[in-house]
């Protein structure tokens, strides 16, 4: 591998490491169900362009009957993914939080609009918490999460804790706004 791949490519390689071959559509569905909780799920066009790149670099193998193509991870792809995991810096997350941005600009609207914004955010957090709880439950067998789902279960637990803490922060902000009335 001559050059580093975009993180999206590594994310797709990672998703392919869990299963038998997946079509681009199935990979996109998997990304939407899992990555969206902690990473931006790629657009369908990104999935296919990355699969083309990865296939061209022999990191995924294409299987098909002329109508449907599915992809699986190759040894070279697994080695690149493992090298990326071992040798690259994780980096610090960039917070792009639309609710925080709107709260920053809260003086432009009345407090009722901000209370409504925060209430909507709590509802969204509850919805996402429930959705992630379903993902977490799907990772666990009767004896707990087995390999290779041990670490994805930990990420789901992290996300569930994040949503709970985010909700607590928003509830505290709502109380502070109410006190200003």
N, C-alpha and C. Protein backbone atom coordinates (compact mmCIF):
# COMPACT_ATOMS: atom_id res chain seq x y z
N UNK A 1 0.85 -1.17 0.00
CA UNK A 1 0.00 0.00 0.00
C UNK A 1 0.89 1.23 0.00
N UNK A 2 0.88 1.98 -1.07
CA UNK A 2 1.74 3.13 -1.23
C UNK A 2 1.28 4.34 -0.46
N UNK A 3 -0.02 4.54 -0.33
CA UNK A 3 -0.52 5.73 0.33
C UNK A 3 -1.55 5.34 1.38
N UNK A 4 -1.73 6.22 2.34
CA UNK A 4 -2.76 5.97 3.34
C UNK A 4 -4.13 6.11 2.70
N UNK A 5 -5.05 5.35 3.22
CA UNK A 5 -6.43 5.42 2.74
C UNK A 5 -7.21 6.41 3.58
N UNK A 6 -8.33 6.91 3.06
CA UNK A 6 -9.21 7.73 3.89
C UNK A 6 -9.79 6.87 5.01
N UNK A 7 -10.14 7.50 6.10
CA UNK A 7 -10.70 6.75 7.24
C UNK A 7 -11.95 5.99 6.83
N UNK A 8 -12.73 6.54 5.90
CA UNK A 8 -13.92 5.83 5.42
C UNK A 8 -13.55 4.47 4.85
N UNK A 9 -12.44 4.40 4.12
CA UNK A 9 -12.01 3.12 3.56
C UNK A 9 -11.69 2.13 4.67
N UNK A 10 -10.99 2.60 5.71
CA UNK A 10 -10.69 1.71 6.84
C UNK A 10 -11.97 1.28 7.55
N UNK A 11 -12.93 2.20 7.67
CA UNK A 11 -14.20 1.84 8.29
C UNK A 11 -14.90 0.74 7.50
N UNK A 12 -14.90 0.85 6.18
CA UNK A 12 -15.53 -0.18 5.35
C UNK A 12 -14.77 -1.50 5.42
N UNK A 13 -13.44 -1.44 5.41
CA UNK A 13 -12.66 -2.66 5.59
C UNK A 13 -13.01 -3.31 6.92
N UNK A 14 -13.14 -2.48 7.94
CA UNK A 14 -13.50 -3.00 9.26
C UNK A 14 -14.86 -3.66 9.27
N UNK A 15 -15.84 -3.06 8.61
CA UNK A 15 -17.17 -3.66 8.55
C UNK A 15 -17.14 -4.99 7.79
N UNK A 16 -16.28 -5.08 6.79
CA UNK A 16 -16.15 -6.32 6.04
C UNK A 16 -15.44 -7.41 6.84
N UNK A 17 -14.74 -7.03 7.90
CA UNK A 17 -14.00 -8.02 8.69
C UNK A 17 -14.91 -8.89 9.55
N UNK A 18 -16.18 -8.52 9.68
CA UNK A 18 -17.08 -9.25 10.56
C UNK A 18 -17.86 -10.37 9.89
N UNK A 19 -18.03 -10.33 8.58
CA UNK A 19 -18.99 -11.21 7.93
C UNK A 19 -18.45 -11.83 6.66
N UNK A 20 -19.30 -12.70 6.13
CA UNK A 20 -19.11 -13.19 4.78
C UNK A 20 -19.27 -12.00 3.85
N UNK A 21 -19.07 -12.21 2.55
CA UNK A 21 -19.17 -11.09 1.62
C UNK A 21 -20.47 -10.30 1.74
N UNK A 22 -20.35 -8.99 1.56
CA UNK A 22 -21.50 -8.09 1.58
C UNK A 22 -21.54 -7.32 0.27
N UNK A 23 -22.72 -7.03 -0.22
CA UNK A 23 -22.86 -6.14 -1.37
C UNK A 23 -22.62 -4.71 -0.90
N UNK A 24 -22.43 -3.81 -1.85
CA UNK A 24 -22.29 -2.40 -1.49
C UNK A 24 -23.50 -1.91 -0.73
N UNK A 25 -24.68 -2.33 -1.16
CA UNK A 25 -25.92 -1.94 -0.48
C UNK A 25 -25.94 -2.47 0.95
N UNK A 26 -25.57 -3.73 1.13
CA UNK A 26 -25.55 -4.31 2.49
C UNK A 26 -24.52 -3.61 3.36
N UNK A 27 -23.39 -3.26 2.75
CA UNK A 27 -22.36 -2.54 3.50
C UNK A 27 -22.86 -1.16 3.92
N UNK A 28 -23.57 -0.49 3.04
CA UNK A 28 -24.15 0.82 3.37
C UNK A 28 -25.17 0.67 4.50
N UNK A 29 -26.00 -0.37 4.44
CA UNK A 29 -26.98 -0.61 5.50
C UNK A 29 -26.28 -0.88 6.83
N UNK A 30 -25.22 -1.66 6.80
CA UNK A 30 -24.45 -1.95 8.02
C UNK A 30 -23.84 -0.66 8.58
N UNK A 31 -23.31 0.18 7.69
CA UNK A 31 -22.73 1.45 8.12
C UNK A 31 -23.81 2.34 8.74
N UNK A 32 -24.98 2.39 8.12
CA UNK A 32 -26.07 3.21 8.65
C UNK A 32 -26.53 2.72 10.02
N UNK A 33 -26.50 1.40 10.22
CA UNK A 33 -26.96 0.85 11.50
C UNK A 33 -25.91 0.98 12.60
N UNK A 34 -24.64 1.05 12.24
CA UNK A 34 -23.60 1.02 13.27
C UNK A 34 -22.75 2.28 13.31
N UNK A 35 -22.16 2.65 12.19
CA UNK A 35 -21.23 3.78 12.19
C UNK A 35 -21.90 5.09 12.59
N UNK A 36 -23.16 5.24 12.26
CA UNK A 36 -23.84 6.52 12.47
C UNK A 36 -23.84 6.96 13.93
N UNK A 37 -23.61 6.05 14.85
CA UNK A 37 -23.63 6.42 16.26
C UNK A 37 -22.33 7.11 16.71
N UNK A 38 -21.25 6.94 15.94
CA UNK A 38 -19.98 7.52 16.37
C UNK A 38 -19.11 8.00 15.22
N UNK A 39 -19.56 7.82 14.01
CA UNK A 39 -18.81 8.27 12.83
C UNK A 39 -19.84 8.59 11.77
N UNK A 40 -19.52 9.43 10.85
CA UNK A 40 -20.46 9.75 9.79
C UNK A 40 -20.56 8.54 8.86
N UNK A 41 -21.77 8.01 8.72
CA UNK A 41 -21.96 6.90 7.80
C UNK A 41 -21.78 7.43 6.38
N UNK A 42 -21.00 6.74 5.57
CA UNK A 42 -20.73 7.24 4.22
C UNK A 42 -21.96 7.19 3.33
N UNK A 43 -22.00 8.09 2.37
CA UNK A 43 -23.06 8.08 1.36
C UNK A 43 -22.88 6.85 0.48
N UNK A 44 -23.95 6.44 -0.17
CA UNK A 44 -23.89 5.27 -1.05
C UNK A 44 -22.80 5.43 -2.10
N UNK A 45 -22.68 6.64 -2.67
CA UNK A 45 -21.65 6.87 -3.69
C UNK A 45 -20.25 6.68 -3.10
N UNK A 46 -20.05 7.09 -1.84
CA UNK A 46 -18.76 6.90 -1.18
C UNK A 46 -18.46 5.42 -0.98
N UNK A 47 -19.49 4.66 -0.59
CA UNK A 47 -19.29 3.23 -0.39
C UNK A 47 -18.78 2.60 -1.68
N UNK A 48 -19.44 2.89 -2.79
CA UNK A 48 -19.04 2.28 -4.05
C UNK A 48 -17.69 2.79 -4.55
N UNK A 49 -17.41 4.07 -4.37
CA UNK A 49 -16.11 4.57 -4.82
C UNK A 49 -14.98 3.98 -3.97
N UNK A 50 -15.21 3.83 -2.67
CA UNK A 50 -14.19 3.21 -1.82
C UNK A 50 -14.04 1.73 -2.15
N UNK A 51 -15.15 1.04 -2.41
CA UNK A 51 -15.05 -0.37 -2.79
C UNK A 51 -14.26 -0.52 -4.09
N UNK A 52 -14.47 0.38 -5.05
CA UNK A 52 -13.70 0.35 -6.30
C UNK A 52 -12.21 0.56 -6.01
N UNK A 53 -11.90 1.53 -5.17
CA UNK A 53 -10.51 1.80 -4.81
C UNK A 53 -9.90 0.58 -4.12
N UNK A 54 -10.61 0.04 -3.14
CA UNK A 54 -10.10 -1.10 -2.38
C UNK A 54 -9.94 -2.34 -3.26
N UNK A 55 -10.86 -2.52 -4.19
CA UNK A 55 -10.74 -3.64 -5.13
C UNK A 55 -9.53 -3.44 -6.04
N UNK A 56 -9.33 -2.21 -6.50
CA UNK A 56 -8.18 -1.91 -7.34
C UNK A 56 -6.85 -2.10 -6.64
N UNK A 57 -6.85 -1.96 -5.32
CA UNK A 57 -5.63 -2.16 -4.53
C UNK A 57 -5.57 -3.55 -3.93
N UNK A 58 -6.47 -4.45 -4.38
CA UNK A 58 -6.52 -5.85 -3.93
C UNK A 58 -6.74 -5.98 -2.42
N UNK A 59 -7.48 -5.06 -1.85
CA UNK A 59 -7.80 -5.14 -0.42
C UNK A 59 -9.15 -5.77 -0.18
N UNK A 60 -10.00 -5.77 -1.21
CA UNK A 60 -11.25 -6.52 -1.15
C UNK A 60 -11.35 -7.34 -2.43
N UNK A 61 -12.03 -8.45 -2.31
CA UNK A 61 -12.27 -9.31 -3.46
C UNK A 61 -13.73 -9.18 -3.85
N UNK A 62 -13.97 -9.04 -5.14
CA UNK A 62 -15.33 -8.92 -5.65
C UNK A 62 -15.83 -10.31 -6.04
N UNK A 63 -17.05 -10.62 -5.65
CA UNK A 63 -17.72 -11.87 -6.00
C UNK A 63 -19.01 -11.48 -6.69
N UNK A 64 -19.31 -12.08 -7.82
CA UNK A 64 -20.54 -11.68 -8.47
C UNK A 64 -20.98 -12.63 -9.56
N UNK A 65 -22.25 -12.45 -9.93
CA UNK A 65 -22.84 -13.25 -10.99
C UNK A 65 -23.19 -12.39 -12.19
N UNK A 66 -22.65 -11.19 -12.26
CA UNK A 66 -22.96 -10.28 -13.35
C UNK A 66 -24.06 -9.29 -13.00
N UNK A 67 -24.90 -9.66 -12.06
CA UNK A 67 -26.00 -8.78 -11.63
C UNK A 67 -25.73 -8.17 -10.26
N UNK A 68 -25.21 -8.99 -9.37
CA UNK A 68 -24.95 -8.55 -8.01
C UNK A 68 -23.50 -8.82 -7.67
N UNK A 69 -22.86 -7.84 -7.07
CA UNK A 69 -21.47 -8.00 -6.66
C UNK A 69 -21.41 -7.85 -5.15
N UNK A 70 -20.74 -8.79 -4.52
CA UNK A 70 -20.48 -8.68 -3.09
C UNK A 70 -18.97 -8.64 -2.90
N UNK A 71 -18.55 -8.18 -1.73
CA UNK A 71 -17.14 -7.96 -1.47
C UNK A 71 -16.74 -8.62 -0.17
N UNK A 72 -15.52 -9.11 -0.15
CA UNK A 72 -14.95 -9.66 1.07
C UNK A 72 -13.55 -9.11 1.26
N UNK A 73 -13.10 -9.14 2.48
CA UNK A 73 -11.79 -8.64 2.84
C UNK A 73 -10.72 -9.63 2.38
N UNK A 74 -9.66 -9.15 1.77
CA UNK A 74 -8.52 -10.00 1.38
C UNK A 74 -7.47 -9.96 2.49
N UNK A 75 -6.47 -10.82 2.36
CA UNK A 75 -5.36 -10.78 3.32
C UNK A 75 -4.69 -9.41 3.31
N UNK A 76 -4.50 -8.87 2.11
CA UNK A 76 -3.87 -7.55 1.99
C UNK A 76 -4.72 -6.48 2.67
N UNK A 77 -6.05 -6.57 2.51
CA UNK A 77 -6.94 -5.62 3.17
C UNK A 77 -6.89 -5.75 4.68
N UNK A 78 -6.89 -7.00 5.17
CA UNK A 78 -6.81 -7.22 6.62
C UNK A 78 -5.48 -6.71 7.16
N UNK A 79 -4.38 -6.94 6.40
CA UNK A 79 -3.07 -6.45 6.84
C UNK A 79 -3.05 -4.92 6.89
N UNK A 80 -3.64 -4.27 5.89
CA UNK A 80 -3.68 -2.80 5.89
C UNK A 80 -4.51 -2.29 7.06
N UNK A 81 -5.63 -2.94 7.32
CA UNK A 81 -6.50 -2.54 8.43
C UNK A 81 -5.78 -2.74 9.77
N UNK A 82 -5.10 -3.86 9.92
CA UNK A 82 -4.36 -4.14 11.15
C UNK A 82 -3.21 -3.14 11.33
N UNK A 83 -2.50 -2.85 10.24
CA UNK A 83 -1.40 -1.88 10.31
C UNK A 83 -1.95 -0.50 10.71
N UNK A 84 -3.06 -0.11 10.13
CA UNK A 84 -3.68 1.18 10.47
C UNK A 84 -4.05 1.20 11.96
N UNK A 85 -4.60 0.10 12.46
CA UNK A 85 -4.98 0.02 13.88
C UNK A 85 -3.76 0.12 14.79
N UNK A 86 -2.68 -0.52 14.40
CA UNK A 86 -1.49 -0.57 15.25
C UNK A 86 -0.61 0.68 15.15
N UNK A 87 -0.51 1.26 13.95
CA UNK A 87 0.54 2.25 13.71
C UNK A 87 0.07 3.69 13.57
N UNK A 88 -1.20 3.93 13.37
CA UNK A 88 -1.61 5.33 13.16
C UNK A 88 -2.19 5.92 14.45
N UNK A 89 -2.03 7.21 14.58
CA UNK A 89 -2.61 7.93 15.70
C UNK A 89 -4.13 7.93 15.57
N UNK A 90 -4.82 7.76 16.66
CA UNK A 90 -6.29 7.77 16.62
C UNK A 90 -6.81 9.16 16.29
N UNK A 91 -6.11 10.18 16.74
CA UNK A 91 -6.59 11.55 16.53
C UNK A 91 -7.60 11.94 17.59
N UNK A 92 -7.83 13.22 17.70
CA UNK A 92 -8.79 13.73 18.67
C UNK A 92 -10.09 14.03 17.95
N UNK A 93 -11.23 13.66 18.52
CA UNK A 93 -12.49 13.89 17.82
C UNK A 93 -12.80 15.37 17.68
N UNK A 94 -13.40 15.70 16.57
CA UNK A 94 -13.86 17.06 16.32
C UNK A 94 -15.36 17.08 16.60
N UNK A 95 -15.75 17.93 17.52
CA UNK A 95 -17.16 18.02 17.88
C UNK A 95 -17.86 18.97 16.91
N UNK A 96 -18.77 18.43 16.15
CA UNK A 96 -19.62 19.23 15.26
C UNK A 96 -21.03 19.02 15.76
N UNK A 97 -21.42 19.86 16.69
CA UNK A 97 -22.68 19.65 17.42
C UNK A 97 -23.66 20.77 17.06
N UNK A 98 -24.66 20.48 16.24
CA UNK A 98 -25.59 21.54 15.82
C UNK A 98 -26.38 22.15 16.96
N UNK A 99 -26.66 21.37 18.01
CA UNK A 99 -27.39 21.92 19.15
C UNK A 99 -26.50 22.89 19.92
N UNK A 100 -25.23 22.53 20.12
CA UNK A 100 -24.30 23.44 20.80
C UNK A 100 -24.12 24.73 20.00
N UNK A 101 -24.03 24.62 18.69
CA UNK A 101 -23.90 25.82 17.85
C UNK A 101 -25.11 26.73 18.02
N UNK A 102 -26.30 26.14 17.99
CA UNK A 102 -27.51 26.95 18.15
C UNK A 102 -27.61 27.56 19.54
N UNK A 103 -27.19 26.79 20.56
CA UNK A 103 -27.20 27.34 21.91
C UNK A 103 -26.22 28.51 22.02
N UNK A 104 -25.08 28.39 21.37
CA UNK A 104 -24.10 29.47 21.34
C UNK A 104 -24.74 30.76 20.83
N UNK A 105 -25.64 30.62 19.85
CA UNK A 105 -26.29 31.77 19.23
C UNK A 105 -27.68 32.03 19.82
N UNK A 106 -27.94 31.48 20.99
CA UNK A 106 -29.26 31.55 21.61
C UNK A 106 -29.79 32.95 21.86
N UNK A 107 -28.91 33.92 22.00
CA UNK A 107 -29.37 35.29 22.27
C UNK A 107 -30.13 35.88 21.08
N UNK A 108 -30.04 35.23 19.92
CA UNK A 108 -30.73 35.74 18.74
C UNK A 108 -32.23 35.42 18.74
N UNK A 109 -32.64 34.49 19.59
CA UNK A 109 -34.05 34.08 19.64
C UNK A 109 -34.53 34.15 21.08
N UNK A 110 -35.81 33.96 21.28
CA UNK A 110 -36.35 34.01 22.63
C UNK A 110 -36.02 32.71 23.38
N UNK A 111 -36.02 32.76 24.71
CA UNK A 111 -35.70 31.57 25.51
C UNK A 111 -36.62 30.38 25.22
N UNK A 112 -37.86 30.65 24.82
CA UNK A 112 -38.78 29.55 24.51
C UNK A 112 -38.27 28.74 23.32
N UNK A 113 -37.69 29.41 22.34
CA UNK A 113 -37.13 28.69 21.19
C UNK A 113 -35.97 27.79 21.62
N UNK A 114 -35.16 28.27 22.54
CA UNK A 114 -34.03 27.48 23.04
C UNK A 114 -34.55 26.30 23.87
N UNK A 115 -35.55 26.55 24.70
CA UNK A 115 -36.14 25.44 25.47
C UNK A 115 -36.70 24.38 24.52
N UNK A 116 -37.35 24.82 23.45
CA UNK A 116 -37.88 23.87 22.47
C UNK A 116 -36.77 23.09 21.79
N UNK A 117 -35.69 23.77 21.44
CA UNK A 117 -34.54 23.13 20.82
C UNK A 117 -33.99 22.04 21.74
N UNK A 118 -33.82 22.38 23.01
CA UNK A 118 -33.26 21.42 23.96
C UNK A 118 -34.22 20.26 24.21
N UNK A 119 -35.51 20.54 24.24
CA UNK A 119 -36.50 19.46 24.40
C UNK A 119 -36.47 18.50 23.20
N UNK A 120 -36.37 19.07 22.01
CA UNK A 120 -36.26 18.22 20.82
C UNK A 120 -35.00 17.36 20.87
N UNK A 121 -33.93 17.95 21.37
CA UNK A 121 -32.68 17.20 21.46
C UNK A 121 -32.80 16.04 22.45
N UNK A 122 -33.46 16.27 23.57
CA UNK A 122 -33.68 15.18 24.53
C UNK A 122 -34.50 14.07 23.89
N UNK A 123 -35.53 14.42 23.13
CA UNK A 123 -36.32 13.40 22.43
C UNK A 123 -35.45 12.62 21.44
N UNK A 124 -34.59 13.33 20.72
CA UNK A 124 -33.71 12.66 19.75
C UNK A 124 -32.72 11.75 20.48
N UNK A 125 -32.20 12.21 21.61
CA UNK A 125 -31.29 11.37 22.40
C UNK A 125 -31.98 10.10 22.86
N UNK A 126 -33.22 10.24 23.33
CA UNK A 126 -33.97 9.05 23.75
C UNK A 126 -34.18 8.08 22.59
N UNK A 127 -34.50 8.63 21.43
CA UNK A 127 -34.69 7.80 20.24
C UNK A 127 -33.40 7.07 19.86
N UNK A 128 -32.30 7.80 19.81
CA UNK A 128 -31.02 7.20 19.44
C UNK A 128 -30.55 6.20 20.49
N UNK A 129 -30.81 6.48 21.77
CA UNK A 129 -30.45 5.55 22.84
C UNK A 129 -31.19 4.23 22.63
N UNK A 130 -32.48 4.32 22.31
CA UNK A 130 -33.27 3.11 22.06
C UNK A 130 -32.74 2.35 20.84
N UNK A 131 -32.40 3.07 19.79
CA UNK A 131 -31.88 2.43 18.58
C UNK A 131 -30.55 1.74 18.86
N UNK A 132 -29.67 2.40 19.59
CA UNK A 132 -28.38 1.81 19.91
C UNK A 132 -28.54 0.64 20.87
N UNK A 133 -29.52 0.71 21.74
CA UNK A 133 -29.80 -0.42 22.64
C UNK A 133 -30.16 -1.66 21.83
N UNK A 134 -30.91 -1.47 20.75
CA UNK A 134 -31.25 -2.60 19.87
C UNK A 134 -30.01 -3.15 19.19
N UNK A 135 -29.13 -2.26 18.73
CA UNK A 135 -27.87 -2.72 18.12
C UNK A 135 -27.07 -3.49 19.15
N UNK A 136 -26.98 -2.96 20.35
CA UNK A 136 -26.22 -3.62 21.42
C UNK A 136 -26.79 -4.99 21.71
N UNK A 137 -28.09 -5.11 21.78
CA UNK A 137 -28.73 -6.39 22.05
C UNK A 137 -28.43 -7.40 20.94
N UNK A 138 -28.32 -6.92 19.71
CA UNK A 138 -28.05 -7.83 18.58
C UNK A 138 -26.62 -8.38 18.62
N UNK A 139 -25.75 -7.76 19.38
CA UNK A 139 -24.36 -8.19 19.46
C UNK A 139 -24.12 -9.25 20.54
N UNK A 140 -25.12 -9.46 21.37
CA UNK A 140 -24.94 -10.30 22.55
C UNK A 140 -25.67 -11.62 22.38
N UNK A 141 -24.94 -12.70 22.57
CA UNK A 141 -25.55 -14.02 22.60
C UNK A 141 -25.95 -14.36 24.02
N UNK A 142 -26.33 -15.59 24.25
CA UNK A 142 -26.76 -15.99 25.59
C UNK A 142 -25.61 -15.95 26.60
N UNK A 143 -24.36 -16.06 26.11
CA UNK A 143 -23.19 -16.02 26.99
C UNK A 143 -22.48 -14.68 26.95
N UNK A 144 -23.14 -13.65 26.44
CA UNK A 144 -22.50 -12.36 26.30
C UNK A 144 -21.95 -12.20 24.91
N UNK A 145 -21.33 -11.04 24.63
CA UNK A 145 -20.81 -10.83 23.27
C UNK A 145 -19.59 -11.70 23.03
N UNK A 146 -19.65 -12.53 22.03
CA UNK A 146 -18.50 -13.35 21.66
C UNK A 146 -17.69 -12.66 20.61
N UNK A 147 -16.55 -13.25 20.28
CA UNK A 147 -15.73 -12.69 19.21
C UNK A 147 -16.47 -12.89 17.90
N UNK A 148 -16.48 -11.99 16.98
CA UNK A 148 -15.71 -10.75 16.98
C UNK A 148 -16.52 -9.56 17.51
N UNK A 149 -17.58 -9.81 18.27
CA UNK A 149 -18.48 -8.73 18.67
C UNK A 149 -18.19 -8.16 20.06
N UNK A 150 -17.14 -8.62 20.69
CA UNK A 150 -16.78 -8.11 22.02
C UNK A 150 -16.52 -6.60 21.98
N UNK A 151 -15.69 -6.18 21.05
CA UNK A 151 -15.34 -4.76 20.98
C UNK A 151 -16.48 -3.90 20.43
N UNK A 152 -17.20 -4.36 19.41
CA UNK A 152 -18.37 -3.57 19.01
C UNK A 152 -19.38 -3.40 20.16
N UNK A 153 -19.51 -4.40 21.01
CA UNK A 153 -20.40 -4.27 22.17
C UNK A 153 -19.88 -3.19 23.12
N UNK A 154 -18.56 -3.12 23.28
CA UNK A 154 -17.98 -2.07 24.12
C UNK A 154 -18.25 -0.69 23.54
N UNK A 155 -18.15 -0.57 22.22
CA UNK A 155 -18.44 0.72 21.58
C UNK A 155 -19.90 1.08 21.78
N UNK A 156 -20.78 0.09 21.68
CA UNK A 156 -22.20 0.35 21.92
C UNK A 156 -22.42 0.80 23.35
N UNK A 157 -21.75 0.16 24.30
CA UNK A 157 -21.87 0.58 25.71
C UNK A 157 -21.38 2.02 25.89
N UNK A 158 -20.29 2.36 25.23
CA UNK A 158 -19.74 3.72 25.27
C UNK A 158 -20.79 4.69 24.73
N UNK A 159 -21.39 4.35 23.59
CA UNK A 159 -22.40 5.21 22.99
C UNK A 159 -23.62 5.38 23.89
N UNK A 160 -24.05 4.30 24.52
CA UNK A 160 -25.20 4.38 25.43
C UNK A 160 -24.88 5.29 26.61
N UNK A 161 -23.67 5.17 27.12
CA UNK A 161 -23.25 6.05 28.21
C UNK A 161 -23.17 7.50 27.73
N UNK A 162 -22.65 7.70 26.53
CA UNK A 162 -22.57 9.05 25.95
C UNK A 162 -23.97 9.68 25.87
N UNK A 163 -24.93 8.93 25.33
CA UNK A 163 -26.29 9.46 25.21
C UNK A 163 -26.88 9.80 26.58
N UNK A 164 -26.64 8.95 27.57
CA UNK A 164 -27.15 9.21 28.92
C UNK A 164 -26.50 10.47 29.50
N UNK A 165 -25.20 10.62 29.33
CA UNK A 165 -24.52 11.81 29.84
C UNK A 165 -24.92 13.07 29.08
N UNK A 166 -25.07 12.95 27.78
CA UNK A 166 -25.52 14.09 26.97
C UNK A 166 -26.90 14.56 27.45
N UNK A 167 -27.77 13.60 27.73
CA UNK A 167 -29.11 13.95 28.21
C UNK A 167 -29.02 14.65 29.56
N UNK A 168 -28.14 14.19 30.44
CA UNK A 168 -27.97 14.84 31.74
C UNK A 168 -27.46 16.28 31.57
N UNK A 169 -26.55 16.49 30.64
CA UNK A 169 -26.03 17.84 30.37
C UNK A 169 -27.17 18.73 29.87
N UNK A 170 -27.96 18.23 28.94
CA UNK A 170 -29.06 19.02 28.39
C UNK A 170 -30.09 19.34 29.46
N UNK A 171 -30.38 18.37 30.31
CA UNK A 171 -31.34 18.61 31.40
C UNK A 171 -30.82 19.71 32.33
N UNK A 172 -29.51 19.71 32.60
CA UNK A 172 -28.92 20.76 33.44
C UNK A 172 -29.03 22.12 32.74
N UNK A 173 -28.78 22.16 31.44
CA UNK A 173 -28.90 23.41 30.70
C UNK A 173 -30.35 23.91 30.71
N UNK A 174 -31.29 22.99 30.57
CA UNK A 174 -32.71 23.37 30.61
C UNK A 174 -33.06 23.99 31.97
N UNK A 175 -32.53 23.42 33.04
CA UNK A 175 -32.78 23.98 34.38
C UNK A 175 -32.18 25.37 34.50
N UNK A 176 -31.00 25.57 33.97
CA UNK A 176 -30.37 26.90 34.04
C UNK A 176 -31.19 27.92 33.27
N UNK A 177 -31.74 27.53 32.13
CA UNK A 177 -32.58 28.44 31.36
C UNK A 177 -33.86 28.75 32.12
N UNK A 178 -34.43 27.76 32.78
CA UNK A 178 -35.65 27.97 33.57
C UNK A 178 -35.37 28.91 34.73
N UNK A 179 -34.21 28.82 35.35
CA UNK A 179 -33.85 29.70 36.46
C UNK A 179 -33.72 31.14 36.02
N UNK A 180 -33.40 31.36 34.74
CA UNK A 180 -33.24 32.71 34.22
C UNK A 180 -34.57 33.37 33.92
N UNK A 181 -35.65 32.64 34.03
CA UNK A 181 -36.97 33.20 33.69
C UNK A 181 -37.36 34.32 34.59
